[in-house]
Amino acid sequence: MKYIDDPITGAPVLILKAKLHKGVYRTEPCPFCGKRHIHGAVDGHRLAHCPHKKRRDVTAPDGTRLSPEDGYFLNRSLLRTTKAHLKTNKNNGIL
């Protein structure tokens, strides 16, 4: 289970893997509720779609507590943004 610190709130946010399936992104089973969630292809942070009665905090291997209230980042969003950012900065001579 991986996470990053949210650049705005500083809260630890889960990184949830998702794969393209019939035109939408379907997540791996969510650690917060055990269900798979469906998202469109727009990059960025996601709110947790977990049913409120089934939501629960989870603990990362290093002891960090992750909350569904902070949502999650889809891995494709994070990786695509990072790679594009690095490529753009490298081409512009920044890196």
PDB file of N, CA and C in Angstrom:
ATOM      1  N   MET A   1       0.852  -1.176   0.000  1.00  0.00           N
ATOM      2  CA  MET A   1       0.000   0.000   0.000  1.00  0.00           C
ATOM      3  C   MET A   1       0.897   1.238   0.000  1.00  0.00           C
ATOM      4  N   LYS A   2       0.698   2.082  -1.003  1.00  0.00           N
ATOM      5  CA  LYS A   2       1.516   3.284  -1.116  1.00  0.00           C
ATOM      6  C   LYS A   2       0.651   4.527  -0.917  1.00  0.00           C
ATOM      7  N   TYR A   3       1.319   5.609  -0.530  1.00  0.00           N
ATOM      8  CA  TYR A   3       0.616   6.875  -0.347  1.00  0.00           C
ATOM      9  C   TYR A   3       1.574   8.023  -0.623  1.00  0.00           C
ATOM     10  N   ILE A   4       1.002   9.196  -0.819  1.00  0.00           N
ATOM     11  CA  ILE A   4       1.794  10.422  -0.937  1.00  0.00           C
ATOM     12  C   ILE A   4       1.149  11.469  -0.045  1.00  0.00           C
ATOM     13  N   ASP A   5       1.886  12.514   0.275  1.00  0.00           N
ATOM     14  CA  ASP A   5       1.313  13.630   1.021  1.00  0.00           C
ATOM     15  C   ASP A   5       0.629  14.568   0.036  1.00  0.00           C
ATOM     16  N   ASP A   6      -0.618  14.895   0.319  1.00  0.00           N
ATOM     17  CA  ASP A   6      -1.378  15.797  -0.545  1.00  0.00           C
ATOM     18  C   ASP A   6      -0.661  17.135  -0.600  1.00  0.00           C
ATOM     19  N   PRO A   7      -0.397  17.664  -1.804  1.00  0.00           N
ATOM     20  CA  PRO A   7       0.337  18.925  -1.921  1.00  0.00           C
ATOM     21  C   PRO A   7      -0.407  20.123  -1.351  1.00  0.00           C
ATOM     22  N   ILE A   8      -1.716  20.017  -1.186  1.00  0.00           N
ATOM     23  CA  ILE A   8      -2.496  21.150  -0.665  1.00  0.00           C
ATOM     24  C   ILE A   8      -2.719  21.025   0.842  1.00  0.00           C
ATOM     25  N   THR A   9      -3.205  19.863   1.291  1.00  0.00           N
ATOM     26  CA  THR A   9      -3.553  19.701   2.703  1.00  0.00           C
ATOM     27  C   THR A   9      -2.429  19.111   3.540  1.00  0.00           C
ATOM     28  N   GLY A  10      -1.481  18.434   2.880  1.00  0.00           N
ATOM     29  CA  GLY A  10      -0.410  17.772   3.607  1.00  0.00           C
ATOM     30  C   GLY A  10      -0.812  16.422   4.175  1.00  0.00           C
ATOM     31  N   ALA A  11      -2.087  16.038   4.035  1.00  0.00           N
ATOM     32  CA  ALA A  11      -2.565  14.761   4.557  1.00  0.00           C
ATOM     33  C   ALA A  11      -2.033  13.609   3.713  1.00  0.00           C
ATOM     34  N   PRO A  12      -1.733  12.478   4.334  1.00  0.00           N
ATOM     35  CA  PRO A  12      -1.317  11.317   3.543  1.00  0.00           C
ATOM     36  C   PRO A  12      -2.511  10.792   2.750  1.00  0.00           C
ATOM     37  N   VAL A  13      -2.303  10.548   1.449  1.00  0.00           N
ATOM     38  CA  VAL A  13      -3.383  10.114   0.564  1.00  0.00           C
ATOM     39  C   VAL A  13      -2.969   8.824  -0.141  1.00  0.00           C
ATOM     40  N   LEU A  14      -3.837   7.842  -0.093  1.00  0.00           N
ATOM     41  CA  LEU A  14      -3.611   6.546  -0.713  1.00  0.00           C
ATOM     42  C   LEU A  14      -3.403   6.672  -2.219  1.00  0.00           C
ATOM     43  N   ILE A  15      -2.505   5.862  -2.771  1.00  0.00           N
ATOM     44  CA  ILE A  15      -2.377   5.737  -4.228  1.00  0.00           C
ATOM     45  C   ILE A  15      -3.059   4.431  -4.590  1.00  0.00           C
ATOM     46  N   LEU A  16      -4.104   4.520  -5.389  1.00  0.00           N
ATOM     47  CA  LEU A  16      -4.902   3.358  -5.761  1.00  0.00           C
ATOM     48  C   LEU A  16      -4.701   3.062  -7.239  1.00  0.00           C
ATOM     49  N   LYS A  17      -4.338   1.845  -7.570  1.00  0.00           N
ATOM     50  CA  LYS A  17      -4.108   1.466  -8.965  1.00  0.00           C
ATOM     51  C   LYS A  17      -5.441   1.319  -9.690  1.00  0.00           C
ATOM     52  N   ALA A  18      -5.442   1.680 -10.978  1.00  0.00           N
ATOM     53  CA  ALA A  18      -6.633   1.541 -11.813  1.00  0.00           C
ATOM     54  C   ALA A  18      -6.222   1.152 -13.218  1.00  0.00           C
ATOM     55  N   LYS A  19      -7.076   0.392 -13.882  1.00  0.00           N
ATOM     56  CA  LYS A  19      -6.812  -0.027 -15.257  1.00  0.00           C
ATOM     57  C   LYS A  19      -7.993   0.351 -16.133  1.00  0.00           C
ATOM     58  N   LEU A  20      -7.672   0.663 -17.387  1.00  0.00           N
ATOM     59  CA  LEU A  20      -8.705   0.981 -18.355  1.00  0.00           C
ATOM     60  C   LEU A  20      -9.526  -0.270 -18.642  1.00  0.00           C
ATOM     61  N   HIS A  21     -10.836  -0.146 -18.530  1.00  0.00           N
ATOM     62  CA  HIS A  21     -11.744  -1.266 -18.763  1.00  0.00           C
ATOM     63  C   HIS A  21     -13.012  -0.735 -19.405  1.00  0.00           C
ATOM     64  N   LYS A  22     -13.214  -1.019 -20.687  1.00  0.00           N
ATOM     65  CA  LYS A  22     -14.402  -0.586 -21.422  1.00  0.00           C
ATOM     66  C   LYS A  22     -14.611   0.927 -21.359  1.00  0.00           C
ATOM     67  N   GLY A  23     -13.537   1.675 -21.535  1.00  0.00           N
ATOM     68  CA  GLY A  23     -13.631   3.131 -21.617  1.00  0.00           C
ATOM     69  C   GLY A  23     -13.619   3.883 -20.302  1.00  0.00           C
ATOM     70  N   VAL A  24     -13.577   3.189 -19.172  1.00  0.00           N
ATOM     71  CA  VAL A  24     -13.495   3.840 -17.865  1.00  0.00           C
ATOM     72  C   VAL A  24     -12.355   3.207 -17.075  1.00  0.00           C
ATOM     73  N   TYR A  25     -11.926   3.866 -16.033  1.00  0.00           N
ATOM     74  CA  TYR A  25     -10.868   3.326 -15.191  1.00  0.00           C
ATOM     75  C   TYR A  25     -11.491   2.642 -13.989  1.00  0.00           C
ATOM     76  N   ARG A  26     -11.152   1.362 -13.843  1.00  0.00           N
ATOM     77  CA  ARG A  26     -11.670   0.553 -12.744  1.00  0.00           C
ATOM     78  C   ARG A  26     -10.521   0.292 -11.781  1.00  0.00           C
ATOM     79  N   THR A  27     -10.745   0.591 -10.504  1.00  0.00           N
ATOM     80  CA  THR A  27      -9.678   0.460  -9.511  1.00  0.00           C
ATOM     81  C   THR A  27      -9.508  -0.982  -9.058  1.00  0.00           C
ATOM     82  N   GLU A  28      -8.338  -1.219  -8.461  1.00  0.00           N
ATOM     83  CA  GLU A  28      -8.149  -2.467  -7.730  1.00  0.00           C
ATOM     84  C   GLU A  28      -9.095  -2.405  -6.521  1.00  0.00           C
ATOM     85  N   PRO A  29      -9.286  -3.498  -5.780  1.00  0.00           N
ATOM     86  CA  PRO A  29     -10.154  -3.409  -4.605  1.00  0.00           C
ATOM     87  C   PRO A  29      -9.667  -2.305  -3.648  1.00  0.00           C
ATOM     88  N   CYS A  30     -10.579  -1.478  -3.246  1.00  0.00           N
ATOM     89  CA  CYS A  30     -10.269  -0.336  -2.387  1.00  0.00           C
ATOM     90  C   CYS A  30      -9.988  -0.793  -0.957  1.00  0.00           C
ATOM     91  N   PRO A  31      -8.854  -0.400  -0.371  1.00  0.00           N
ATOM     92  CA  PRO A  31      -8.560  -0.776   1.012  1.00  0.00           C
ATOM     93  C   PRO A  31      -9.554  -0.193   2.023  1.00  0.00           C
ATOM     94  N   PHE A  32     -10.220   0.901   1.664  1.00  0.00           N
ATOM     95  CA  PHE A  32     -11.155   1.530   2.590  1.00  0.00           C
ATOM     96  C   PHE A  32     -12.470   0.768   2.721  1.00  0.00           C
ATOM     97  N   CYS A  33     -12.889   0.067   1.642  1.00  0.00           N
ATOM     98  CA  CYS A  33     -14.202  -0.609   1.686  1.00  0.00           C
ATOM     99  C   CYS A  33     -14.205  -1.988   1.032  1.00  0.00           C
ATOM    100  N   GLY A  34     -13.148  -2.345   0.290  1.00  0.00           N
ATOM    101  CA  GLY A  34     -13.076  -3.640  -0.355  1.00  0.00           C
ATOM    102  C   GLY A  34     -13.714  -3.712  -1.732  1.00  0.00           C
ATOM    103  N   LYS A  35     -14.352  -2.650  -2.180  1.00  0.00           N
ATOM    104  CA  LYS A  35     -15.027  -2.627  -3.483  1.00  0.00           C
ATOM    105  C   LYS A  35     -14.128  -2.011  -4.543  1.00  0.00           C
ATOM    106  N   ARG A  36     -14.448  -2.262  -5.814  1.00  0.00           N
ATOM    107  CA  ARG A  36     -13.779  -1.593  -6.932  1.00  0.00           C
ATOM    108  C   ARG A  36     -14.598  -0.354  -7.277  1.00  0.00           C
ATOM    109  N   HIS A  37     -13.924   0.722  -7.669  1.00  0.00           N
ATOM    110  CA  HIS A  37     -14.593   1.961  -8.039  1.00  0.00           C
ATOM    111  C   HIS A  37     -14.321   2.262  -9.507  1.00  0.00           C
ATOM    112  N   ILE A  38     -15.223   2.985 -10.138  1.00  0.00           N
ATOM    113  CA  ILE A  38     -15.090   3.351 -11.543  1.00  0.00           C
ATOM    114  C   ILE A  38     -14.933   4.859 -11.651  1.00  0.00           C
ATOM    115  N   HIS A  39     -13.956   5.287 -12.466  1.00  0.00           N
ATOM    116  CA  HIS A  39     -13.696   6.703 -12.684  1.00  0.00           C
ATOM    117  C   HIS A  39     -13.497   6.969 -14.163  1.00  0.00           C
ATOM    118  N   GLY A  40     -13.751   8.193 -14.570  1.00  0.00           N
ATOM    119  CA  GLY A  40     -13.464   8.607 -15.938  1.00  0.00           C
ATOM    120  C   GLY A  40     -11.969   8.775 -16.130  1.00  0.00           C
ATOM    121  N   ALA A  41     -11.588   9.164 -17.332  1.00  0.00           N
ATOM    122  CA  ALA A  41     -10.175   9.243 -17.686  1.00  0.00           C
ATOM    123  C   ALA A  41      -9.516  10.568 -17.336  1.00  0.00           C
ATOM    124  N   VAL A  42     -10.216  11.474 -16.690  1.00  0.00           N
ATOM    125  CA  VAL A  42      -9.642  12.766 -16.322  1.00  0.00           C
ATOM    126  C   VAL A  42      -8.636  12.557 -15.196  1.00  0.00           C
ATOM    127  N   ASP A  43      -7.432  13.122 -15.339  1.00  0.00           N
ATOM    128  CA  ASP A  43      -6.395  12.983 -14.319  1.00  0.00           C
ATOM    129  C   ASP A  43      -6.752  13.757 -13.059  1.00  0.00           C
ATOM    130  N   GLY A  44      -6.179  13.319 -11.920  1.00  0.00           N
ATOM    131  CA  GLY A  44      -6.301  14.093 -10.692  1.00  0.00           C
ATOM    132  C   GLY A  44      -6.741  13.300  -9.484  1.00  0.00           C
ATOM    133  N   HIS A  45      -6.897  14.001  -8.393  1.00  0.00           N
ATOM    134  CA  HIS A  45      -7.309  13.453  -7.115  1.00  0.00           C
ATOM    135  C   HIS A  45      -8.758  12.995  -7.202  1.00  0.00           C
ATOM    136  N   ARG A  46      -9.096  11.935  -6.484  1.00  0.00           N
ATOM    137  CA  ARG A  46     -10.465  11.420  -6.475  1.00  0.00           C
ATOM    138  C   ARG A  46     -11.014  11.384  -5.061  1.00  0.00           C
ATOM    139  N   LEU A  47     -12.304  11.626  -4.941  1.00  0.00           N
ATOM    140  CA  LEU A  47     -12.990  11.404  -3.676  1.00  0.00           C
ATOM    141  C   LEU A  47     -13.271   9.921  -3.566  1.00  0.00           C
ATOM    142  N   ALA A  48     -13.253   9.394  -2.359  1.00  0.00           N
ATOM    143  CA  ALA A  48     -13.562   7.983  -2.164  1.00  0.00           C
ATOM    144  C   ALA A  48     -15.043   7.749  -2.442  1.00  0.00           C
ATOM    145  N   HIS A  49     -15.358   6.729  -3.237  1.00  0.00           N
ATOM    146  CA  HIS A  49     -16.737   6.381  -3.562  1.00  0.00           C
ATOM    147  C   HIS A  49     -17.300   5.345  -2.601  1.00  0.00           C
ATOM    148  N   CYS A  50     -16.612   5.088  -1.535  1.00  0.00           N
ATOM    149  CA  CYS A  50     -17.006   4.046  -0.589  1.00  0.00           C
ATOM    150  C   CYS A  50     -18.343   4.375   0.067  1.00  0.00           C
ATOM    151  N   PRO A  51     -19.206   3.346   0.229  1.00  0.00           N
ATOM    152  CA  PRO A  51     -20.430   3.575   1.004  1.00  0.00           C
ATOM    153  C   PRO A  51     -20.055   3.990   2.430  1.00  0.00           C
ATOM    154  N   HIS A  52     -20.729   4.976   2.974  1.00  0.00           N
ATOM    155  CA  HIS A  52     -20.355   5.514   4.291  1.00  0.00           C
ATOM    156  C   HIS A  52     -20.346   4.460   5.387  1.00  0.00           C
ATOM    157  N   LYS A  53     -21.258   3.506   5.341  1.00  0.00           N
ATOM    158  CA  LYS A  53     -21.311   2.483   6.394  1.00  0.00           C
ATOM    159  C   LYS A  53     -20.132   1.522   6.327  1.00  0.00           C
ATOM    160  N   LYS A  54     -19.508   1.416   5.147  1.00  0.00           N
ATOM    161  CA  LYS A  54     -18.399   0.475   4.992  1.00  0.00           C
ATOM    162  C   LYS A  54     -17.030   1.140   5.041  1.00  0.00           C
ATOM    163  N   ARG A  55     -16.984   2.467   5.085  1.00  0.00           N
ATOM    164  CA  ARG A  55     -15.692   3.168   5.101  1.00  0.00           C
ATOM    165  C   ARG A  55     -14.951   2.913   6.393  1.00  0.00           C
ATOM    166  N   ARG A  56     -13.640   2.721   6.252  1.00  0.00           N
ATOM    167  CA  ARG A  56     -12.805   2.598   7.438  1.00  0.00           C
ATOM    168  C   ARG A  56     -11.408   3.100   7.126  1.00  0.00           C
ATOM    169  N   ASP A  57     -10.754   3.656   8.112  1.00  0.00           N
ATOM    170  CA  ASP A  57      -9.360   4.060   7.948  1.00  0.00           C
ATOM    171  C   ASP A  57      -8.513   2.799   7.804  1.00  0.00           C
ATOM    172  N   VAL A  58      -7.370   2.926   7.136  1.00  0.00           N
ATOM    173  CA  VAL A  58      -6.424   1.820   7.015  1.00  0.00           C
ATOM    174  C   VAL A  58      -5.048   2.315   7.443  1.00  0.00           C
ATOM    175  N   THR A  59      -4.185   1.390   7.767  1.00  0.00           N
ATOM    176  CA  THR A  59      -2.839   1.739   8.211  1.00  0.00           C
ATOM    177  C   THR A  59      -1.820   1.214   7.208  1.00  0.00           C
ATOM    178  N   ALA A  60      -0.958   2.107   6.718  1.00  0.00           N
ATOM    179  CA  ALA A  60       0.121   1.738   5.800  1.00  0.00           C
ATOM    180  C   ALA A  60       1.163   0.930   6.569  1.00  0.00           C
ATOM    181  N   PRO A  61       2.004   0.177   5.866  1.00  0.00           N
ATOM    182  CA  PRO A  61       3.024  -0.634   6.540  1.00  0.00           C
ATOM    183  C   PRO A  61       3.934   0.156   7.485  1.00  0.00           C
ATOM    184  N   ASP A  62       4.143   1.458   7.196  1.00  0.00           N
ATOM    185  CA  ASP A  62       5.010   2.254   8.077  1.00  0.00           C
ATOM    186  C   ASP A  62       4.257   2.847   9.270  1.00  0.00           C
ATOM    187  N   GLY A  63       2.966   2.494   9.424  1.00  0.00           N
ATOM    188  CA  GLY A  63       2.171   2.969  10.551  1.00  0.00           C
ATOM    189  C   GLY A  63       1.354   4.216  10.268  1.00  0.00           C
ATOM    190  N   THR A  64       1.484   4.805   9.083  1.00  0.00           N
ATOM    191  CA  THR A  64       0.717   6.002   8.729  1.00  0.00           C
ATOM    192  C   THR A  64      -0.755   5.639   8.534  1.00  0.00           C
ATOM    193  N   ARG A  65      -1.625   6.424   9.150  1.00  0.00           N
ATOM    194  CA  ARG A  65      -3.066   6.189   9.024  1.00  0.00           C
ATOM    195  C   ARG A  65      -3.600   6.918   7.799  1.00  0.00           C
ATOM    196  N   LEU A  66      -4.325   6.195   6.948  1.00  0.00           N
ATOM    197  CA  LEU A  66      -4.913   6.760   5.734  1.00  0.00           C
ATOM    198  C   LEU A  66      -6.429   6.758   5.892  1.00  0.00           C
ATOM    199  N   SER A  67      -7.052   7.870   5.505  1.00  0.00           N
ATOM    200  CA  SER A  67      -8.489   8.021   5.695  1.00  0.00           C
ATOM    201  C   SER A  67      -9.223   8.167   4.371  1.00  0.00           C
ATOM    202  N   PRO A  68     -10.389   7.519   4.231  1.00  0.00           N
ATOM    203  CA  PRO A  68     -11.189   7.711   3.019  1.00  0.00           C
ATOM    204  C   PRO A  68     -11.670   9.155   2.878  1.00  0.00           C
ATOM    205  N   GLU A  69     -11.699   9.889   3.961  1.00  0.00           N
ATOM    206  CA  GLU A  69     -12.110  11.299   3.914  1.00  0.00           C
ATOM    207  C   GLU A  69     -11.130  12.134   3.088  1.00  0.00           C
ATOM    208  N   ASP A  70      -9.880  11.660   2.953  1.00  0.00           N
ATOM    209  CA  ASP A  70      -8.872  12.372   2.163  1.00  0.00           C
ATOM    210  C   ASP A  70      -8.846  11.908   0.709  1.00  0.00           C
ATOM    211  N   GLY A  71      -9.665  10.894   0.371  1.00  0.00           N
ATOM    212  CA  GLY A  71      -9.735  10.399  -0.996  1.00  0.00           C
ATOM    213  C   GLY A  71      -8.495   9.617  -1.373  1.00  0.00           C
ATOM    214  N   TYR A  72      -8.200   9.581  -2.692  1.00  0.00           N
ATOM    215  CA  TYR A  72      -7.029   8.860  -3.177  1.00  0.00           C
ATOM    216  C   TYR A  72      -6.615   9.400  -4.534  1.00  0.00           C
ATOM    217  N   PHE A  73      -5.390   9.076  -4.924  1.00  0.00           N
ATOM    218  CA  PHE A  73      -4.880   9.385  -6.256  1.00  0.00           C
ATOM    219  C   PHE A  73      -4.880   8.085  -7.046  1.00  0.00           C
ATOM    220  N   LEU A  74      -5.355   8.126  -8.286  1.00  0.00           N
ATOM    221  CA  LEU A  74      -5.231   6.963  -9.149  1.00  0.00           C
ATOM    222  C   LEU A  74      -3.793   6.895  -9.625  1.00  0.00           C
ATOM    223  N   ASN A  75      -3.219   5.708  -9.697  1.00  0.00           N
ATOM    224  CA  ASN A  75      -1.808   5.603 -10.079  1.00  0.00           C
ATOM    225  C   ASN A  75      -1.563   6.138 -11.477  1.00  0.00           C
ATOM    226  N   ARG A  76      -2.476   5.940 -12.420  1.00  0.00           N
ATOM    227  CA  ARG A  76      -2.264   6.412 -13.781  1.00  0.00           C
ATOM    228  C   ARG A  76      -2.178   7.930 -13.807  1.00  0.00           C
ATOM    229  N   SER A  77      -2.951   8.606 -12.979  1.00  0.00           N
ATOM    230  CA  SER A  77      -2.929  10.069 -12.922  1.00  0.00           C
ATOM    231  C   SER A  77      -1.587  10.553 -12.402  1.00  0.00           C
ATOM    232  N   LEU A  78      -1.150   9.972 -11.307  1.00  0.00           N
ATOM    233  CA  LEU A  78       0.090  10.402 -10.675  1.00  0.00           C
ATOM    234  C   LEU A  78       1.284  10.144 -11.593  1.00  0.00           C
ATOM    235  N   LEU A  79       1.350   8.942 -12.182  1.00  0.00           N
ATOM    236  CA  LEU A  79       2.492   8.607 -13.035  1.00  0.00           C
ATOM    237  C   LEU A  79       2.496   9.423 -14.314  1.00  0.00           C
ATOM    238  N   ARG A  80       1.350   9.587 -14.942  1.00  0.00           N
ATOM    239  CA  ARG A  80       1.285  10.343 -16.194  1.00  0.00           C
ATOM    240  C   ARG A  80       1.693  11.790 -15.942  1.00  0.00           C
ATOM    241  N   THR A  81       1.173  12.389 -14.883  1.00  0.00           N
ATOM    242  CA  THR A  81       1.493  13.776 -14.579  1.00  0.00           C
ATOM    243  C   THR A  81       2.991  13.931 -14.301  1.00  0.00           C
ATOM    244  N   THR A  82       3.537  13.031 -13.523  1.00  0.00           N
ATOM    245  CA  THR A  82       4.953  13.116 -13.172  1.00  0.00           C
ATOM    246  C   THR A  82       5.831  12.962 -14.404  1.00  0.00           C
ATOM    247  N   LYS A  83       5.556  11.961 -15.244  1.00  0.00           N
ATOM    248  CA  LYS A  83       6.363  11.743 -16.438  1.00  0.00           C
ATOM    249  C   LYS A  83       6.269  12.930 -17.395  1.00  0.00           C
ATOM    250  N   ALA A  84       5.069  13.452 -17.595  1.00  0.00           N
ATOM    251  CA  ALA A  84       4.886  14.595 -18.493  1.00  0.00           C
ATOM    252  C   ALA A  84       5.626  15.817 -17.957  1.00  0.00           C
ATOM    253  N   HIS A  85       5.536  16.034 -16.654  1.00  0.00           N
ATOM    254  CA  HIS A  85       6.199  17.165 -16.019  1.00  0.00           C
ATOM    255  C   HIS A  85       7.714  17.060 -16.184  1.00  0.00           C
ATOM    256  N   LEU A  86       8.257  15.866 -15.929  1.00  0.00           N
ATOM    257  CA  LEU A  86       9.704  15.678 -16.065  1.00  0.00           C
ATOM    258  C   LEU A  86      10.159  15.866 -17.506  1.00  0.00           C
ATOM    259  N   LYS A  87       9.402  15.313 -18.452  1.00  0.00           N
ATOM    260  CA  LYS A  87       9.759  15.438 -19.859  1.00  0.00           C
ATOM    261  C   LYS A  87       9.731  16.896 -20.290  1.00  0.00           C
ATOM    262  N   THR A  88       8.694  17.635 -19.904  1.00  0.00           N
ATOM    263  CA  THR A  88       8.563  19.049 -20.276  1.00  0.00           C
ATOM    264  C   THR A  88       9.715  19.862 -19.697  1.00  0.00           C
ATOM    265  N   ASN A  89      10.015  19.646 -18.410  1.00  0.00           N
ATOM    266  CA  ASN A  89      11.091  20.399 -17.772  1.00  0.00           C
ATOM    267  C   ASN A  89      12.460  20.040 -18.357  1.00  0.00           C
ATOM    268  N   LYS A  90      12.653  18.772 -18.700  1.00  0.00           N
ATOM    269  CA  LYS A  90      13.932  18.361 -19.292  1.00  0.00           C
ATOM    270  C   LYS A  90      14.107  19.025 -20.666  1.00  0.00           C
ATOM    271  N   ASN A  91      13.043  19.035 -21.458  1.00  0.00           N
ATOM    272  CA  ASN A  91      13.098  19.640 -22.785  1.00  0.00           C
ATOM    273  C   ASN A  91      13.302  21.154 -22.717  1.00  0.00           C
ATOM    274  N   ASN A  92      12.840  21.776 -21.637  1.00  0.00           N
ATOM    275  CA  ASN A  92      12.989  23.217 -21.479  1.00  0.00           C
ATOM    276  C   ASN A  92      14.291  23.602 -20.772  1.00  0.00           C
ATOM    277  N   GLY A  93      15.129  22.595 -20.479  1.00  0.00           N
ATOM    278  CA  GLY A  93      16.409  22.878 -19.845  1.00  0.00           C
ATOM    279  C   GLY A  93      16.331  23.155 -18.362  1.00  0.00           C
ATOM    280  N   ILE A  94      15.188  22.853 -17.738  1.00  0.00           N
ATOM    281  CA  ILE A  94      15.046  23.113 -16.306  1.00  0.00           C
ATOM    282  C   ILE A  94      15.725  22.012 -15.496  1.00  0.00           C
ATOM    283  N   LEU A  95      15.641  20.771 -16.002  1.00  0.00           N
ATOM    284  CA  LEU A  95      16.247  19.641 -15.292  1.00  0.00           C
ATOM    285  C   LEU A  95      17.551  19.235 -15.942  1.00  0.00           C
TER     286      LEU A  95
END
